[in-house]
Amino acid sequence: MTPLLDAEPAPTSPEPPGAGLRDQAARDRAILLVAEAIGEIIGFWNFKPSMGRVWTVLYLSADPLDAEQIEARTGLSSGMVSTTLNELLQWGVIRKHPAPGERRRLFVAETDVWMLVARVFRERELRMVGRAIEQLEAALVILDADGRGASPGAMHQSRFLHTRVTRILELARTGQKLIDRFSRTGSANLRPLRDVLAAAR
């Protein structure tokens, strides 16, 4: 039997009217769900949920977006989008996309997620622990001064407080080292923390 040459391709069924719009609506719903989920996680870290939503919308977009597009996809007001974009730019988690001849400001997300997490640990968590260490050290100075020349009862209380605050300070310093190492390498040995916690019992 002679094979057919140059056979016509099998006809394809035409796309139902409105199918493309339905597909886009489904994708938009999925993106919004992800944006809301990330917003909640960001809120747990004491960031504004809007920051998580805007970053997620940009991260999930194959193309740069302008403020109006972000507003439409997140449901946020234009003022909130503008403020959030400026905050995200300051954190370095999004960047402006160069577009010669384009009047709109376009934005893209930083896609190195680990870099984002590490930066938060370096710039916020480490600062927070550092401030706590300064306060603990100041408390020890006060207790040292209070313990000198005090009555036996007051001296005993000062020594007790000094011992407990010193343990908390050791824990804070160990945590500071762990956070610093984790932000730089992505790993941390928890044994020193366990040792400090065991000694504090």
N, C-alpha and C. Protein backbone atom coordinates (compact mmCIF):
# COMPACT_ATOMS: atom_id res chain seq x y z
N MET A 1 0.85 -1.18 0.00
CA MET A 1 0.00 0.00 0.00
C MET A 1 0.89 1.24 0.00
N THR A 2 0.66 2.19 -0.91
CA THR A 2 1.50 3.38 -1.03
C THR A 2 1.14 4.37 0.05
N PRO A 3 2.10 4.83 0.86
CA PRO A 3 1.79 5.80 1.92
C PRO A 3 1.37 7.12 1.32
N LEU A 4 0.52 7.83 2.03
CA LEU A 4 0.07 9.14 1.56
C LEU A 4 1.16 10.16 1.79
N LEU A 5 1.43 10.97 0.80
CA LEU A 5 2.43 12.02 0.90
C LEU A 5 1.74 13.36 1.07
N ASP A 6 2.40 14.23 1.83
CA ASP A 6 1.88 15.58 2.05
C ASP A 6 0.45 15.55 2.56
N ALA A 7 0.20 14.65 3.51
CA ALA A 7 -1.15 14.55 4.05
C ALA A 7 -1.49 15.82 4.82
N GLU A 8 -2.74 16.23 4.73
CA GLU A 8 -3.21 17.41 5.45
C GLU A 8 -3.23 17.12 6.94
N PRO A 9 -2.82 18.06 7.78
CA PRO A 9 -2.88 17.82 9.22
C PRO A 9 -4.31 17.69 9.68
N ALA A 10 -4.48 16.89 10.73
CA ALA A 10 -5.83 16.68 11.25
C ALA A 10 -6.39 18.00 11.75
N PRO A 11 -7.63 18.29 11.46
CA PRO A 11 -8.22 19.55 11.90
C PRO A 11 -8.32 19.60 13.42
N THR A 12 -8.08 20.77 13.96
CA THR A 12 -8.19 20.95 15.40
C THR A 12 -9.47 21.67 15.73
N SER A 13 -9.97 21.36 16.90
CA SER A 13 -11.22 21.99 17.31
C SER A 13 -10.96 23.45 17.63
N PRO A 14 -11.81 24.34 17.16
CA PRO A 14 -11.61 25.76 17.47
C PRO A 14 -11.75 26.02 18.96
N GLU A 15 -10.97 27.00 19.44
CA GLU A 15 -11.03 27.33 20.86
C GLU A 15 -12.38 27.94 21.18
N PRO A 16 -13.04 27.47 22.21
CA PRO A 16 -14.35 28.01 22.56
C PRO A 16 -14.25 29.51 22.82
N PRO A 17 -15.27 30.27 22.46
CA PRO A 17 -15.25 31.71 22.71
C PRO A 17 -15.05 32.01 24.20
N GLY A 18 -14.16 32.92 24.48
CA GLY A 18 -13.93 33.32 25.87
C GLY A 18 -13.01 32.40 26.64
N ALA A 19 -12.47 31.34 25.98
CA ALA A 19 -11.61 30.40 26.71
C ALA A 19 -10.34 31.09 27.21
N GLY A 20 -9.77 31.95 26.36
CA GLY A 20 -8.55 32.65 26.76
C GLY A 20 -8.77 33.54 27.97
N LEU A 21 -9.92 34.22 28.00
CA LEU A 21 -10.23 35.07 29.15
C LEU A 21 -10.42 34.25 30.41
N ARG A 22 -11.07 33.08 30.25
CA ARG A 22 -11.27 32.22 31.42
C ARG A 22 -9.94 31.71 31.95
N ASP A 23 -9.06 31.34 31.02
CA ASP A 23 -7.74 30.86 31.45
C ASP A 23 -6.98 31.96 32.19
N GLN A 24 -7.04 33.20 31.67
CA GLN A 24 -6.35 34.31 32.32
C GLN A 24 -6.94 34.59 33.69
N ALA A 25 -8.27 34.51 33.78
CA ALA A 25 -8.92 34.74 35.07
C ALA A 25 -8.49 33.69 36.09
N ALA A 26 -8.36 32.44 35.62
CA ALA A 26 -7.92 31.37 36.53
C ALA A 26 -6.49 31.62 37.00
N ARG A 27 -5.63 32.05 36.07
CA ARG A 27 -4.25 32.34 36.45
C ARG A 27 -4.19 33.51 37.44
N ASP A 28 -5.02 34.52 37.18
CA ASP A 28 -5.05 35.68 38.08
C ASP A 28 -5.49 35.28 39.48
N ARG A 29 -6.48 34.39 39.56
CA ARG A 29 -6.94 33.93 40.88
C ARG A 29 -5.83 33.18 41.60
N ALA A 30 -5.11 32.33 40.84
CA ALA A 30 -4.02 31.56 41.45
C ALA A 30 -2.92 32.50 41.96
N ILE A 31 -2.58 33.51 41.15
CA ILE A 31 -1.55 34.46 41.55
C ILE A 31 -1.97 35.22 42.81
N LEU A 32 -3.25 35.61 42.86
CA LEU A 32 -3.74 36.36 44.02
C LEU A 32 -3.69 35.50 45.28
N LEU A 33 -4.00 34.20 45.14
CA LEU A 33 -3.93 33.31 46.30
C LEU A 33 -2.50 33.21 46.82
N VAL A 34 -1.55 33.08 45.89
CA VAL A 34 -0.14 33.01 46.30
C VAL A 34 0.29 34.33 46.95
N ALA A 35 -0.12 35.45 46.35
CA ALA A 35 0.24 36.76 46.88
C ALA A 35 -0.30 36.95 48.29
N GLU A 36 -1.53 36.52 48.52
CA GLU A 36 -2.13 36.65 49.85
C GLU A 36 -1.40 35.76 50.86
N ALA A 37 -1.02 34.54 50.42
CA ALA A 37 -0.30 33.63 51.32
C ALA A 37 1.06 34.21 51.72
N ILE A 38 1.80 34.73 50.73
CA ILE A 38 3.10 35.33 51.03
C ILE A 38 2.93 36.58 51.88
N GLY A 39 1.86 37.32 51.63
CA GLY A 39 1.58 38.50 52.45
C GLY A 39 1.40 38.15 53.91
N GLU A 40 0.72 37.03 54.18
CA GLU A 40 0.53 36.59 55.56
C GLU A 40 1.86 36.19 56.21
N ILE A 41 2.70 35.49 55.43
CA ILE A 41 4.01 35.09 55.96
C ILE A 41 4.85 36.33 56.27
N ILE A 42 4.85 37.27 55.34
CA ILE A 42 5.60 38.51 55.53
C ILE A 42 5.09 39.26 56.76
N GLY A 43 3.77 39.24 56.95
CA GLY A 43 3.19 39.88 58.12
C GLY A 43 3.67 39.25 59.41
N PHE A 44 3.89 37.93 59.40
CA PHE A 44 4.41 37.23 60.58
C PHE A 44 5.80 37.74 60.94
N TRP A 45 6.56 38.16 59.94
CA TRP A 45 7.90 38.72 60.16
C TRP A 45 7.84 40.21 60.49
N ASN A 46 6.63 40.72 60.72
CA ASN A 46 6.42 42.14 61.05
C ASN A 46 6.71 43.08 59.89
N PHE A 47 6.61 42.57 58.67
CA PHE A 47 6.59 43.42 57.50
C PHE A 47 5.14 43.65 57.11
N LYS A 48 4.90 44.68 56.31
CA LYS A 48 3.55 44.93 55.84
C LYS A 48 3.13 43.82 54.87
N PRO A 49 1.93 43.25 55.03
CA PRO A 49 1.47 42.23 54.08
C PRO A 49 1.49 42.71 52.64
N SER A 50 1.28 44.01 52.44
CA SER A 50 1.28 44.55 51.07
C SER A 50 2.64 44.35 50.40
N MET A 51 3.72 44.35 51.18
CA MET A 51 5.05 44.15 50.62
C MET A 51 5.17 42.74 50.04
N GLY A 52 4.62 41.77 50.77
CA GLY A 52 4.63 40.40 50.26
C GLY A 52 3.78 40.23 49.02
N ARG A 53 2.63 40.90 48.99
CA ARG A 53 1.73 40.76 47.85
C ARG A 53 2.34 41.37 46.59
N VAL A 54 2.90 42.57 46.73
CA VAL A 54 3.49 43.23 45.56
C VAL A 54 4.70 42.46 45.05
N TRP A 55 5.58 42.02 45.97
CA TRP A 55 6.75 41.27 45.53
C TRP A 55 6.33 39.99 44.82
N THR A 56 5.33 39.30 45.35
CA THR A 56 4.88 38.03 44.76
C THR A 56 4.34 38.24 43.36
N VAL A 57 3.53 39.28 43.19
CA VAL A 57 2.97 39.56 41.86
C VAL A 57 4.09 39.83 40.86
N LEU A 58 5.12 40.56 41.28
CA LEU A 58 6.25 40.81 40.38
C LEU A 58 7.05 39.54 40.14
N TYR A 59 7.24 38.75 41.17
CA TYR A 59 8.01 37.50 41.04
C TYR A 59 7.33 36.52 40.09
N LEU A 60 6.00 36.50 40.11
CA LEU A 60 5.25 35.56 39.27
C LEU A 60 4.95 36.11 37.89
N SER A 61 5.45 37.29 37.58
CA SER A 61 5.21 37.87 36.26
C SER A 61 6.43 37.66 35.37
N ALA A 62 6.19 37.16 34.16
CA ALA A 62 7.28 36.95 33.22
C ALA A 62 7.78 38.27 32.64
N ASP A 63 6.98 39.32 32.75
CA ASP A 63 7.33 40.62 32.19
C ASP A 63 7.35 41.68 33.29
N PRO A 64 8.12 42.74 33.10
CA PRO A 64 8.09 43.84 34.06
C PRO A 64 6.69 44.44 34.14
N LEU A 65 6.34 44.96 35.29
CA LEU A 65 5.01 45.54 35.49
C LEU A 65 5.15 46.99 35.95
N ASP A 66 4.13 47.79 35.60
CA ASP A 66 4.09 49.15 36.12
C ASP A 66 3.14 49.21 37.31
N ALA A 67 3.04 50.37 37.93
CA ALA A 67 2.24 50.51 39.15
C ALA A 67 0.77 50.19 38.90
N GLU A 68 0.24 50.61 37.76
CA GLU A 68 -1.18 50.35 37.47
C GLU A 68 -1.45 48.86 37.34
N GLN A 69 -0.55 48.14 36.69
CA GLN A 69 -0.73 46.69 36.55
C GLN A 69 -0.64 46.01 37.92
N ILE A 70 0.28 46.46 38.74
CA ILE A 70 0.41 45.88 40.09
C ILE A 70 -0.84 46.16 40.90
N GLU A 71 -1.37 47.37 40.77
CA GLU A 71 -2.60 47.73 41.48
C GLU A 71 -3.74 46.81 41.07
N ALA A 72 -3.86 46.55 39.76
CA ALA A 72 -4.94 45.70 39.27
C ALA A 72 -4.80 44.27 39.75
N ARG A 73 -3.57 43.78 39.84
CA ARG A 73 -3.35 42.37 40.19
C ARG A 73 -3.37 42.11 41.69
N THR A 74 -3.10 43.14 42.47
CA THR A 74 -3.09 42.95 43.93
C THR A 74 -4.37 43.43 44.59
N GLY A 75 -5.09 44.32 43.92
CA GLY A 75 -6.28 44.90 44.53
C GLY A 75 -5.96 46.00 45.53
N LEU A 76 -4.70 46.42 45.59
CA LEU A 76 -4.29 47.49 46.50
C LEU A 76 -4.56 48.85 45.86
N SER A 77 -4.69 49.86 46.69
CA SER A 77 -4.90 51.21 46.19
C SER A 77 -3.62 51.74 45.54
N SER A 78 -3.78 52.77 44.70
CA SER A 78 -2.61 53.33 44.02
C SER A 78 -1.61 53.90 45.03
N GLY A 79 -2.13 54.55 46.09
CA GLY A 79 -1.24 55.08 47.11
C GLY A 79 -0.47 54.00 47.84
N MET A 80 -1.16 52.89 48.17
CA MET A 80 -0.51 51.78 48.85
C MET A 80 0.54 51.13 47.95
N VAL A 81 0.23 50.98 46.66
CA VAL A 81 1.19 50.39 45.73
C VAL A 81 2.43 51.27 45.62
N SER A 82 2.23 52.59 45.52
CA SER A 82 3.37 53.51 45.40
C SER A 82 4.26 53.44 46.64
N THR A 83 3.64 53.47 47.81
CA THR A 83 4.41 53.39 49.06
C THR A 83 5.15 52.06 49.17
N THR A 84 4.45 50.98 48.83
CA THR A 84 5.04 49.64 48.95
C THR A 84 6.20 49.47 47.98
N LEU A 85 6.07 49.98 46.77
CA LEU A 85 7.15 49.88 45.79
C LEU A 85 8.40 50.60 46.31
N ASN A 86 8.22 51.77 46.89
CA ASN A 86 9.38 52.50 47.43
C ASN A 86 10.04 51.73 48.57
N GLU A 87 9.23 51.10 49.42
CA GLU A 87 9.79 50.32 50.53
C GLU A 87 10.55 49.10 50.02
N LEU A 88 9.99 48.44 49.02
CA LEU A 88 10.65 47.26 48.46
C LEU A 88 11.94 47.64 47.75
N LEU A 89 11.94 48.81 47.10
CA LEU A 89 13.17 49.29 46.45
C LEU A 89 14.25 49.55 47.50
N GLN A 90 13.86 50.12 48.64
CA GLN A 90 14.83 50.39 49.70
C GLN A 90 15.43 49.10 50.26
N TRP A 91 14.62 48.06 50.34
CA TRP A 91 15.11 46.77 50.83
C TRP A 91 15.91 46.03 49.75
N GLY A 92 15.81 46.48 48.51
CA GLY A 92 16.55 45.82 47.44
C GLY A 92 15.93 44.52 46.96
N VAL A 93 14.64 44.31 47.24
CA VAL A 93 14.00 43.05 46.85
C VAL A 93 13.27 43.18 45.52
N ILE A 94 13.15 44.41 45.01
CA ILE A 94 12.71 44.64 43.64
C ILE A 94 13.64 45.68 43.04
N ARG A 95 13.59 45.83 41.74
CA ARG A 95 14.41 46.86 41.09
C ARG A 95 13.66 47.43 39.89
N LYS A 96 14.05 48.63 39.53
CA LYS A 96 13.46 49.26 38.36
C LYS A 96 14.01 48.60 37.10
N HIS A 97 13.14 48.44 36.12
CA HIS A 97 13.54 47.80 34.87
C HIS A 97 13.76 48.88 33.82
N PRO A 98 14.97 48.98 33.28
CA PRO A 98 15.22 50.02 32.28
C PRO A 98 14.39 49.77 31.02
N ALA A 99 13.73 50.82 30.55
CA ALA A 99 12.91 50.71 29.33
C ALA A 99 13.05 52.01 28.56
N PRO A 100 14.05 52.09 27.68
CA PRO A 100 14.30 53.32 26.92
C PRO A 100 13.04 53.76 26.15
N GLY A 101 12.71 55.02 26.26
CA GLY A 101 11.56 55.55 25.55
C GLY A 101 10.23 55.28 26.23
N GLU A 102 10.26 54.55 27.32
CA GLU A 102 9.02 54.21 28.05
C GLU A 102 8.82 55.20 29.18
N ARG A 103 7.65 55.84 29.21
CA ARG A 103 7.38 56.84 30.24
C ARG A 103 7.01 56.17 31.58
N ARG A 104 6.43 54.99 31.50
CA ARG A 104 6.04 54.31 32.73
C ARG A 104 7.27 53.77 33.46
N ARG A 105 7.18 53.75 34.78
CA ARG A 105 8.24 53.09 35.56
C ARG A 105 7.88 51.62 35.68
N LEU A 106 8.79 50.78 35.22
CA LEU A 106 8.56 49.33 35.26
C LEU A 106 9.40 48.71 36.37
N PHE A 107 8.88 47.63 36.94
CA PHE A 107 9.55 46.98 38.06
C PHE A 107 9.64 45.48 37.83
N VAL A 108 10.70 44.89 38.37
CA VAL A 108 10.85 43.43 38.38
C VAL A 108 11.27 43.02 39.78
N ALA A 109 11.02 41.76 40.12
CA ALA A 109 11.37 41.25 41.45
C ALA A 109 12.77 40.67 41.45
N GLU A 110 13.45 40.81 42.56
CA GLU A 110 14.69 40.07 42.78
C GLU A 110 14.32 38.61 42.95
N THR A 111 14.93 37.73 42.16
CA THR A 111 14.50 36.33 42.15
C THR A 111 15.35 35.42 43.03
N ASP A 112 16.43 35.95 43.58
CA ASP A 112 17.26 35.14 44.48
C ASP A 112 16.62 35.17 45.87
N VAL A 113 15.74 34.20 46.12
CA VAL A 113 14.96 34.21 47.36
C VAL A 113 15.87 34.10 48.58
N TRP A 114 16.92 33.27 48.50
CA TRP A 114 17.81 33.13 49.65
C TRP A 114 18.48 34.46 49.98
N MET A 115 18.83 35.24 48.95
CA MET A 115 19.44 36.54 49.19
C MET A 115 18.49 37.44 49.97
N LEU A 116 17.18 37.33 49.65
CA LEU A 116 16.20 38.16 50.35
C LEU A 116 16.15 37.79 51.83
N VAL A 117 16.09 36.48 52.11
CA VAL A 117 16.02 36.02 53.50
C VAL A 117 17.28 36.41 54.26
N ALA A 118 18.44 36.20 53.62
CA ALA A 118 19.71 36.52 54.28
C ALA A 118 19.81 38.00 54.58
N ARG A 119 19.31 38.82 53.67
CA ARG A 119 19.38 40.27 53.89
C ARG A 119 18.52 40.68 55.07
N VAL A 120 17.33 40.08 55.19
CA VAL A 120 16.47 40.38 56.33
C VAL A 120 17.18 40.02 57.64
N PHE A 121 17.81 38.84 57.66
CA PHE A 121 18.52 38.42 58.87
C PHE A 121 19.67 39.37 59.19
N ARG A 122 20.40 39.78 58.16
CA ARG A 122 21.55 40.65 58.41
C ARG A 122 21.12 42.04 58.86
N GLU A 123 20.15 42.61 58.17
CA GLU A 123 19.84 44.02 58.38
C GLU A 123 18.80 44.26 59.47
N ARG A 124 18.03 43.24 59.82
CA ARG A 124 17.02 43.49 60.84
C ARG A 124 17.22 42.63 62.08
N GLU A 125 17.31 41.32 61.89
CA GLU A 125 17.43 40.43 63.04
C GLU A 125 18.73 40.68 63.81
N LEU A 126 19.83 40.85 63.08
CA LEU A 126 21.10 41.11 63.76
C LEU A 126 21.07 42.43 64.52
N ARG A 127 20.45 43.45 63.91
CA ARG A 127 20.34 44.74 64.60
C ARG A 127 19.51 44.60 65.87
N MET A 128 18.42 43.84 65.77
CA MET A 128 17.55 43.65 66.93
C MET A 128 18.29 42.96 68.06
N VAL A 129 19.03 41.89 67.73
CA VAL A 129 19.80 41.18 68.76
C VAL A 129 20.91 42.07 69.30
N GLY A 130 21.52 42.86 68.42
CA GLY A 130 22.57 43.77 68.87
C GLY A 130 22.06 44.79 69.88
N ARG A 131 20.87 45.32 69.62
CA ARG A 131 20.28 46.27 70.58
C ARG A 131 19.98 45.59 71.92
N ALA A 132 19.50 44.35 71.84
CA ALA A 132 19.22 43.61 73.08
C ALA A 132 20.49 43.38 73.88
N ILE A 133 21.58 43.05 73.19
CA ILE A 133 22.86 42.84 73.87
C ILE A 133 23.32 44.11 74.57
N GLU A 134 23.17 45.25 73.90
CA GLU A 134 23.56 46.52 74.51
C GLU A 134 22.75 46.79 75.79
N GLN A 135 21.46 46.50 75.76
CA GLN A 135 20.62 46.72 76.94
C GLN A 135 20.99 45.77 78.08
N LEU A 136 21.30 44.52 77.71
CA LEU A 136 21.70 43.56 78.74
C LEU A 136 23.01 43.96 79.38
N GLU A 137 23.95 44.43 78.57
CA GLU A 137 25.23 44.88 79.12
C GLU A 137 25.04 46.10 80.03
N ALA A 138 24.13 46.99 79.64
CA ALA A 138 23.84 48.16 80.48
C ALA A 138 23.22 47.72 81.81
N ALA A 139 22.37 46.70 81.76
CA ALA A 139 21.76 46.20 82.99
C ALA A 139 22.82 45.62 83.92
N LEU A 140 23.81 44.94 83.36
CA LEU A 140 24.88 44.37 84.19
C LEU A 140 25.70 45.47 84.86
N VAL A 141 25.94 46.56 84.14
CA VAL A 141 26.68 47.69 84.73
C VAL A 141 25.92 48.24 85.93
N ILE A 142 24.60 48.37 85.78
CA ILE A 142 23.78 48.87 86.89
C ILE A 142 23.84 47.92 88.08
N LEU A 143 23.76 46.62 87.80
CA LEU A 143 23.78 45.63 88.89
C LEU A 143 25.14 45.59 89.57
N ASP A 144 26.21 45.78 88.78
CA ASP A 144 27.55 45.83 89.39
C ASP A 144 27.66 46.99 90.37
N ALA A 145 27.16 48.14 89.94
CA ALA A 145 27.22 49.32 90.81
C ALA A 145 26.33 49.15 92.03
N ASP A 146 25.18 48.52 91.83
CA ASP A 146 24.24 48.34 92.93
C ASP A 146 24.78 47.37 93.98
N GLY A 147 25.56 46.39 93.51
CA GLY A 147 26.06 45.37 94.43
C GLY A 147 27.18 45.85 95.32
N ARG A 148 27.89 46.92 94.91
CA ARG A 148 29.02 47.42 95.70
C ARG A 148 28.50 48.31 96.85
N GLY A 149 28.90 47.99 98.02
CA GLY A 149 28.52 48.78 99.18
C GLY A 149 27.09 48.60 99.63
N ALA A 150 26.40 47.60 99.08
CA ALA A 150 25.01 47.38 99.48
C ALA A 150 24.96 46.51 100.73
N SER A 151 23.81 46.46 101.33
CA SER A 151 23.61 45.59 102.48
C SER A 151 23.72 44.14 102.03
N PRO A 152 24.00 43.21 102.96
CA PRO A 152 24.12 41.80 102.57
C PRO A 152 22.90 41.29 101.80
N GLY A 153 21.70 41.67 102.23
CA GLY A 153 20.50 41.20 101.54
C GLY A 153 20.40 41.75 100.14
N ALA A 154 20.67 43.07 99.99
CA ALA A 154 20.62 43.69 98.66
C ALA A 154 21.71 43.15 97.76
N MET A 155 22.90 42.90 98.34
CA MET A 155 24.00 42.35 97.56
C MET A 155 23.65 40.96 97.03
N HIS A 156 23.00 40.17 97.87
CA HIS A 156 22.60 38.83 97.45
C HIS A 156 21.63 38.91 96.27
N GLN A 157 20.67 39.82 96.34
CA GLN A 157 19.70 39.97 95.25
C GLN A 157 20.39 40.44 93.97
N SER A 158 21.33 41.38 94.11
CA SER A 158 22.04 41.89 92.94
C SER A 158 22.86 40.79 92.27
N ARG A 159 23.51 39.96 93.09
CA ARG A 159 24.30 38.86 92.53
C ARG A 159 23.41 37.85 91.81
N PHE A 160 22.24 37.57 92.41
CA PHE A 160 21.30 36.65 91.78
C PHE A 160 20.87 37.19 90.41
N LEU A 161 20.47 38.47 90.40
CA LEU A 161 20.05 39.08 89.14
C LEU A 161 21.20 39.12 88.14
N HIS A 162 22.40 39.43 88.61
CA HIS A 162 23.58 39.50 87.74
C HIS A 162 23.82 38.15 87.07
N THR A 163 23.70 37.07 87.84
CA THR A 163 23.92 35.73 87.29
C THR A 163 22.89 35.41 86.21
N ARG A 164 21.63 35.72 86.48
CA ARG A 164 20.58 35.41 85.51
C ARG A 164 20.71 36.26 84.25
N VAL A 165 20.99 37.55 84.42
CA VAL A 165 21.14 38.43 83.26
C VAL A 165 22.35 38.01 82.43
N THR A 166 23.41 37.57 83.10
CA THR A 166 24.60 37.11 82.39
C THR A 166 24.28 35.90 81.51
N ARG A 167 23.45 35.01 82.02
CA ARG A 167 23.05 33.84 81.22
C ARG A 167 22.25 34.27 80.00
N ILE A 168 21.35 35.22 80.20
CA ILE A 168 20.57 35.72 79.05
C ILE A 168 21.49 36.39 78.04
N LEU A 169 22.48 37.13 78.53
CA LEU A 169 23.44 37.79 77.64
C LEU A 169 24.23 36.77 76.84
N GLU A 170 24.66 35.70 77.48
CA GLU A 170 25.38 34.64 76.77
C GLU A 170 24.51 34.03 75.68
N LEU A 171 23.23 33.85 76.00
CA LEU A 171 22.31 33.30 75.01
C LEU A 171 22.16 34.26 73.83
N ALA A 172 22.04 35.56 74.11
CA ALA A 172 21.89 36.55 73.05
C ALA A 172 23.13 36.61 72.17
N ARG A 173 24.31 36.55 72.78
CA ARG A 173 25.55 36.59 72.00
C ARG A 173 25.70 35.35 71.13
N THR A 174 25.30 34.20 71.68
CA THR A 174 25.35 32.97 70.88
C THR A 174 24.37 33.05 69.72
N GLY A 175 23.17 33.56 70.00
CA GLY A 175 22.18 33.73 68.93
C GLY A 175 22.67 34.69 67.87
N GLN A 176 23.36 35.74 68.28
CA GLN A 176 23.90 36.70 67.32
C GLN A 176 24.89 36.03 66.37
N LYS A 177 25.76 35.19 66.92
CA LYS A 177 26.73 34.48 66.09
C LYS A 177 26.03 33.51 65.13
N LEU A 178 24.99 32.83 65.62
CA LEU A 178 24.26 31.89 64.77
C LEU A 178 23.57 32.61 63.63
N ILE A 179 22.92 33.73 63.93
CA ILE A 179 22.22 34.49 62.90
C ILE A 179 23.21 35.01 61.86
N ASP A 180 24.36 35.50 62.33
CA ASP A 180 25.37 36.01 61.41
C ASP A 180 25.87 34.90 60.49
N ARG A 181 26.15 33.74 61.06
CA ARG A 181 26.64 32.62 60.25
C ARG A 181 25.57 32.15 59.28
N PHE A 182 24.33 32.06 59.76
CA PHE A 182 23.24 31.60 58.91
C PHE A 182 23.01 32.55 57.75
N SER A 183 23.10 33.85 57.99
CA SER A 183 22.86 34.83 56.93
C SER A 183 23.97 34.80 55.88
N ARG A 184 25.18 34.39 56.29
CA ARG A 184 26.31 34.37 55.35
C ARG A 184 26.45 33.04 54.63
N THR A 185 26.15 31.94 55.30
CA THR A 185 26.43 30.62 54.72
C THR A 185 25.19 29.77 54.48
N GLY A 186 24.09 30.12 55.13
CA GLY A 186 22.87 29.32 54.98
C GLY A 186 22.83 28.11 55.89
N SER A 187 23.81 27.99 56.77
CA SER A 187 23.82 26.88 57.72
C SER A 187 24.29 27.39 59.07
N ALA A 188 23.94 26.64 60.10
CA ALA A 188 24.35 27.03 61.45
C ALA A 188 24.41 25.80 62.33
N ASN A 189 25.43 25.76 63.18
CA ASN A 189 25.57 24.68 64.15
C ASN A 189 24.84 25.08 65.43
N LEU A 190 23.80 24.34 65.79
CA LEU A 190 22.99 24.70 66.95
C LEU A 190 23.55 24.18 68.27
N ARG A 191 24.65 23.45 68.21
CA ARG A 191 25.21 22.89 69.45
C ARG A 191 25.57 23.98 70.47
N PRO A 192 26.24 25.08 70.05
CA PRO A 192 26.54 26.12 71.05
C PRO A 192 25.28 26.67 71.72
N LEU A 193 24.20 26.79 70.97
CA LEU A 193 22.96 27.29 71.55
C LEU A 193 22.40 26.29 72.55
N ARG A 194 22.46 25.01 72.21
CA ARG A 194 21.99 23.98 73.15
C ARG A 194 22.83 23.99 74.43
N ASP A 195 24.14 24.18 74.29
CA ASP A 195 25.02 24.21 75.47
C ASP A 195 24.68 25.38 76.38
N VAL A 196 24.42 26.55 75.78
CA VAL A 196 24.08 27.72 76.59
C VAL A 196 22.75 27.52 77.29
N LEU A 197 21.78 26.96 76.57
CA LEU A 197 20.47 26.71 77.17
C LEU A 197 20.57 25.70 78.32
N ALA A 198 21.42 24.68 78.12
CA ALA A 198 21.58 23.67 79.18
C ALA A 198 22.24 24.29 80.41
N ALA A 199 23.19 25.18 80.20
CA ALA A 199 23.89 25.81 81.32
C ALA A 199 22.99 26.79 82.07
N ALA A 200 21.94 27.27 81.38
CA ALA A 200 21.06 28.27 81.99
C ALA A 200 20.01 27.65 82.89
N ARG A 201 19.94 26.34 82.97
CA ARG A 201 18.91 25.70 83.80
C ARG A 201 19.15 25.95 85.28
